[in-house]
N, C-alpha and C. Protein backbone atom coordinates (compact mmCIF):
# COMPACT_ATOMS: atom_id res chain seq x y z
N MET A 1 1.63 1.71 0.29
CA MET A 1 1.77 0.50 1.01
C MET A 1 2.60 0.79 2.26
N VAL A 2 2.37 0.01 3.32
CA VAL A 2 3.18 0.07 4.56
C VAL A 2 3.53 -1.34 4.96
N ASN A 3 4.52 -1.42 5.84
CA ASN A 3 4.97 -2.69 6.43
C ASN A 3 4.28 -2.75 7.81
N LEU A 4 3.37 -3.70 7.94
CA LEU A 4 2.66 -3.81 9.21
C LEU A 4 3.33 -4.85 10.16
N SER A 5 4.42 -5.43 9.72
CA SER A 5 5.11 -6.40 10.57
C SER A 5 5.89 -5.72 11.65
N ALA A 6 5.94 -6.33 12.82
CA ALA A 6 6.77 -5.89 13.89
C ALA A 6 8.09 -6.63 13.90
N ASP A 7 8.19 -7.69 13.09
CA ASP A 7 9.42 -8.50 13.03
C ASP A 7 10.45 -7.84 12.09
N PRO A 8 11.65 -8.27 12.18
CA PRO A 8 12.70 -7.82 11.23
C PRO A 8 12.22 -8.09 9.75
N SER A 9 12.51 -7.11 8.92
CA SER A 9 11.97 -7.20 7.52
C SER A 9 12.89 -6.43 6.58
N THR A 10 12.95 -6.88 5.34
CA THR A 10 13.61 -6.13 4.30
C THR A 10 12.66 -5.39 3.38
N LEU A 11 11.36 -5.43 3.73
CA LEU A 11 10.41 -4.72 2.97
C LEU A 11 10.78 -3.26 2.88
N PRO A 12 10.60 -2.60 1.73
CA PRO A 12 11.02 -1.23 1.58
C PRO A 12 10.00 -0.18 2.05
N PHE A 13 8.89 -0.64 2.61
CA PHE A 13 7.80 0.26 2.96
C PHE A 13 7.98 0.74 4.44
N PRO A 14 7.44 1.94 4.70
CA PRO A 14 7.53 2.47 6.03
C PRO A 14 6.73 1.60 7.01
N ARG A 15 7.24 1.48 8.25
CA ARG A 15 6.57 0.78 9.29
C ARG A 15 5.29 1.47 9.70
N ALA A 16 4.26 0.75 9.99
CA ALA A 16 3.03 1.34 10.50
C ALA A 16 2.28 0.27 11.30
N THR A 17 1.25 0.72 11.92
CA THR A 17 0.30 -0.18 12.61
C THR A 17 -1.03 0.01 11.90
N PRO A 18 -2.01 -0.87 12.16
CA PRO A 18 -3.29 -0.69 11.50
C PRO A 18 -3.90 0.72 11.82
N LEU A 19 -3.58 1.27 13.01
CA LEU A 19 -4.13 2.54 13.34
C LEU A 19 -3.44 3.74 12.68
N THR A 20 -2.16 3.53 12.30
CA THR A 20 -1.38 4.66 11.73
C THR A 20 -1.20 4.53 10.21
N ALA A 21 -1.61 3.44 9.63
CA ALA A 21 -1.36 3.18 8.23
C ALA A 21 -1.94 4.21 7.30
N ALA A 22 -3.12 4.69 7.62
CA ALA A 22 -3.78 5.67 6.71
C ALA A 22 -3.07 7.00 6.62
N ALA A 23 -2.20 7.31 7.56
CA ALA A 23 -1.46 8.63 7.60
C ALA A 23 -0.26 8.56 6.63
N HIS A 24 0.10 7.39 6.15
CA HIS A 24 1.30 7.33 5.30
C HIS A 24 0.97 7.66 3.84
N ARG A 25 1.88 8.33 3.15
CA ARG A 25 1.70 8.62 1.74
C ARG A 25 2.25 7.49 1.00
N PRO A 26 1.74 7.24 -0.23
CA PRO A 26 2.26 6.17 -1.07
C PRO A 26 3.76 6.30 -1.38
N VAL A 27 4.43 5.16 -1.47
CA VAL A 27 5.83 5.17 -1.84
C VAL A 27 5.94 5.31 -3.37
N GLN A 28 6.74 6.25 -3.78
CA GLN A 28 6.95 6.47 -5.21
C GLN A 28 7.88 5.41 -5.75
N HIS A 29 7.53 4.88 -6.91
CA HIS A 29 8.41 3.86 -7.51
C HIS A 29 8.89 4.29 -8.85
N LYS A 30 9.90 3.57 -9.37
CA LYS A 30 10.43 3.82 -10.69
C LYS A 30 9.75 2.93 -11.64
N ALA A 31 8.82 3.53 -12.45
CA ALA A 31 7.97 2.78 -13.35
C ALA A 31 8.72 1.85 -14.30
N THR A 32 9.84 2.35 -14.87
CA THR A 32 10.57 1.51 -15.83
C THR A 32 11.23 0.36 -15.07
N ALA A 33 11.71 0.55 -13.90
CA ALA A 33 12.30 -0.51 -13.09
C ALA A 33 11.29 -1.56 -12.68
N VAL A 34 10.06 -1.12 -12.33
CA VAL A 34 8.98 -2.01 -11.97
C VAL A 34 8.62 -2.87 -13.20
N ALA A 35 8.51 -2.28 -14.35
CA ALA A 35 8.21 -2.99 -15.56
C ALA A 35 9.27 -4.04 -15.87
N ALA A 36 10.55 -3.67 -15.65
CA ALA A 36 11.65 -4.61 -15.90
C ALA A 36 11.54 -5.80 -14.95
N ALA A 37 11.26 -5.52 -13.67
CA ALA A 37 11.16 -6.60 -12.69
C ALA A 37 10.00 -7.51 -13.01
N LEU A 38 8.85 -6.95 -13.39
CA LEU A 38 7.71 -7.75 -13.76
C LEU A 38 8.00 -8.67 -15.00
N ALA A 39 8.74 -8.05 -15.96
CA ALA A 39 9.15 -8.83 -17.14
C ALA A 39 10.06 -9.98 -16.73
N GLN A 40 10.97 -9.68 -15.81
CA GLN A 40 11.91 -10.73 -15.39
C GLN A 40 11.16 -11.85 -14.67
N GLU A 41 10.21 -11.48 -13.83
CA GLU A 41 9.37 -12.54 -13.16
C GLU A 41 8.76 -13.45 -14.19
N LYS A 42 8.20 -12.84 -15.25
CA LYS A 42 7.58 -13.67 -16.27
C LYS A 42 8.60 -14.51 -17.04
N ALA A 43 9.75 -13.96 -17.30
CA ALA A 43 10.79 -14.67 -18.06
C ALA A 43 11.34 -15.86 -17.31
N ILE A 44 11.40 -15.80 -15.98
CA ILE A 44 11.93 -16.92 -15.21
C ILE A 44 10.80 -17.80 -14.66
N GLY A 45 9.57 -17.49 -14.96
CA GLY A 45 8.44 -18.29 -14.54
C GLY A 45 8.20 -18.28 -13.05
N TYR A 46 8.42 -17.10 -12.46
CA TYR A 46 8.28 -16.92 -11.04
C TYR A 46 6.80 -16.64 -10.71
N TYR A 47 6.06 -17.71 -10.71
CA TYR A 47 4.62 -17.61 -10.44
C TYR A 47 4.10 -18.82 -9.82
N VAL A 48 3.41 -18.68 -8.79
CA VAL A 48 2.73 -19.83 -8.08
C VAL A 48 1.29 -19.49 -7.91
N LEU A 49 0.47 -20.34 -8.51
CA LEU A 49 -0.99 -20.01 -8.56
C LEU A 49 -1.56 -19.70 -7.16
N SER A 50 -1.18 -20.46 -6.20
CA SER A 50 -1.70 -20.32 -4.80
C SER A 50 -1.15 -19.04 -4.17
N GLY A 51 -0.01 -18.53 -4.62
CA GLY A 51 0.63 -17.40 -4.02
C GLY A 51 1.56 -17.83 -2.88
N GLU A 52 1.60 -19.09 -2.55
CA GLU A 52 2.40 -19.62 -1.46
C GLU A 52 3.77 -20.03 -2.00
N TYR A 53 4.59 -19.04 -2.36
CA TYR A 53 5.88 -19.29 -2.97
C TYR A 53 6.80 -20.20 -2.08
N TRP A 54 6.73 -20.03 -0.80
CA TRP A 54 7.63 -20.80 0.07
C TRP A 54 7.34 -22.31 -0.02
N LYS A 55 6.19 -22.69 -0.50
CA LYS A 55 5.88 -24.12 -0.64
C LYS A 55 6.43 -24.68 -1.94
N SER A 56 6.86 -23.80 -2.87
CA SER A 56 7.41 -24.20 -4.15
C SER A 56 8.80 -23.72 -4.40
N GLU A 57 9.52 -23.34 -3.35
CA GLU A 57 10.84 -22.76 -3.56
C GLU A 57 11.80 -23.65 -4.24
N HIS A 58 11.63 -25.01 -4.18
CA HIS A 58 12.48 -25.92 -4.86
C HIS A 58 12.47 -25.77 -6.40
N GLN A 59 11.41 -25.18 -6.95
CA GLN A 59 11.34 -25.06 -8.43
C GLN A 59 12.02 -23.79 -8.94
N PHE A 60 12.53 -22.95 -8.11
CA PHE A 60 13.19 -21.66 -8.46
C PHE A 60 14.68 -21.69 -8.19
N ASP A 61 15.44 -21.10 -9.13
CA ASP A 61 16.86 -20.96 -8.98
C ASP A 61 17.16 -19.80 -8.00
N PRO A 62 17.80 -20.10 -6.88
CA PRO A 62 18.08 -19.00 -5.87
C PRO A 62 18.87 -17.83 -6.50
N THR A 63 19.81 -18.11 -7.33
CA THR A 63 20.60 -17.00 -7.98
C THR A 63 19.68 -16.05 -8.77
N ARG A 64 18.78 -16.64 -9.54
CA ARG A 64 17.88 -15.79 -10.33
C ARG A 64 16.89 -15.06 -9.42
N ILE A 65 16.44 -15.68 -8.40
CA ILE A 65 15.53 -14.98 -7.48
C ILE A 65 16.30 -13.86 -6.73
N ASP A 66 17.53 -14.04 -6.36
CA ASP A 66 18.33 -12.99 -5.71
C ASP A 66 18.44 -11.83 -6.63
N ALA A 67 18.68 -12.11 -7.94
CA ALA A 67 18.76 -11.00 -8.94
C ALA A 67 17.42 -10.28 -9.07
N LEU A 68 16.37 -11.02 -9.08
CA LEU A 68 15.02 -10.45 -9.17
C LEU A 68 14.76 -9.57 -7.92
N ASP A 69 15.08 -10.08 -6.78
CA ASP A 69 14.92 -9.27 -5.52
C ASP A 69 15.67 -7.93 -5.62
N ALA A 70 16.87 -8.03 -6.17
CA ALA A 70 17.63 -6.84 -6.35
C ALA A 70 16.98 -5.84 -7.28
N MET A 71 16.34 -6.33 -8.30
CA MET A 71 15.60 -5.49 -9.25
C MET A 71 14.48 -4.78 -8.55
N TRP A 72 13.77 -5.51 -7.69
CA TRP A 72 12.60 -4.92 -6.96
C TRP A 72 13.12 -3.90 -5.96
N ARG A 73 14.23 -4.20 -5.29
CA ARG A 73 14.78 -3.21 -4.35
C ARG A 73 15.17 -1.92 -5.06
N ALA A 74 15.69 -1.97 -6.27
CA ALA A 74 16.10 -0.88 -7.03
C ALA A 74 14.85 -0.10 -7.55
N ALA A 75 13.74 -0.75 -7.70
CA ALA A 75 12.54 -0.11 -8.25
C ALA A 75 11.78 0.66 -7.23
N ILE A 76 11.96 0.34 -5.94
CA ILE A 76 11.18 0.98 -4.87
C ILE A 76 12.17 1.57 -3.85
N PRO A 77 12.16 2.85 -3.61
CA PRO A 77 13.09 3.48 -2.73
C PRO A 77 12.96 2.91 -1.31
N GLN A 78 14.10 2.77 -0.68
CA GLN A 78 14.07 2.23 0.68
C GLN A 78 13.73 3.36 1.69
N ARG A 79 12.77 3.10 2.51
CA ARG A 79 12.44 4.04 3.57
C ARG A 79 12.28 3.33 4.88
N GLN A 80 12.49 4.04 5.92
CA GLN A 80 12.36 3.41 7.23
C GLN A 80 11.14 3.94 7.96
């Protein structure tokens, strides 16, 4: 995966353009940490059928989502 955005971002993926994306190697992740983050998503009901989470943000506890975000950041190494 790569980050195609030119805007400021906290995504842990390397920046790329559509023309340079194919040259990037996959980001290695920590499988155990990914499994824990996925389990936490399920436990707190962090799922929106449409995928448009920003339209349903009122139904989620910000503290729990912050903790979940931290789990995901720990699961995927930060690269620039």
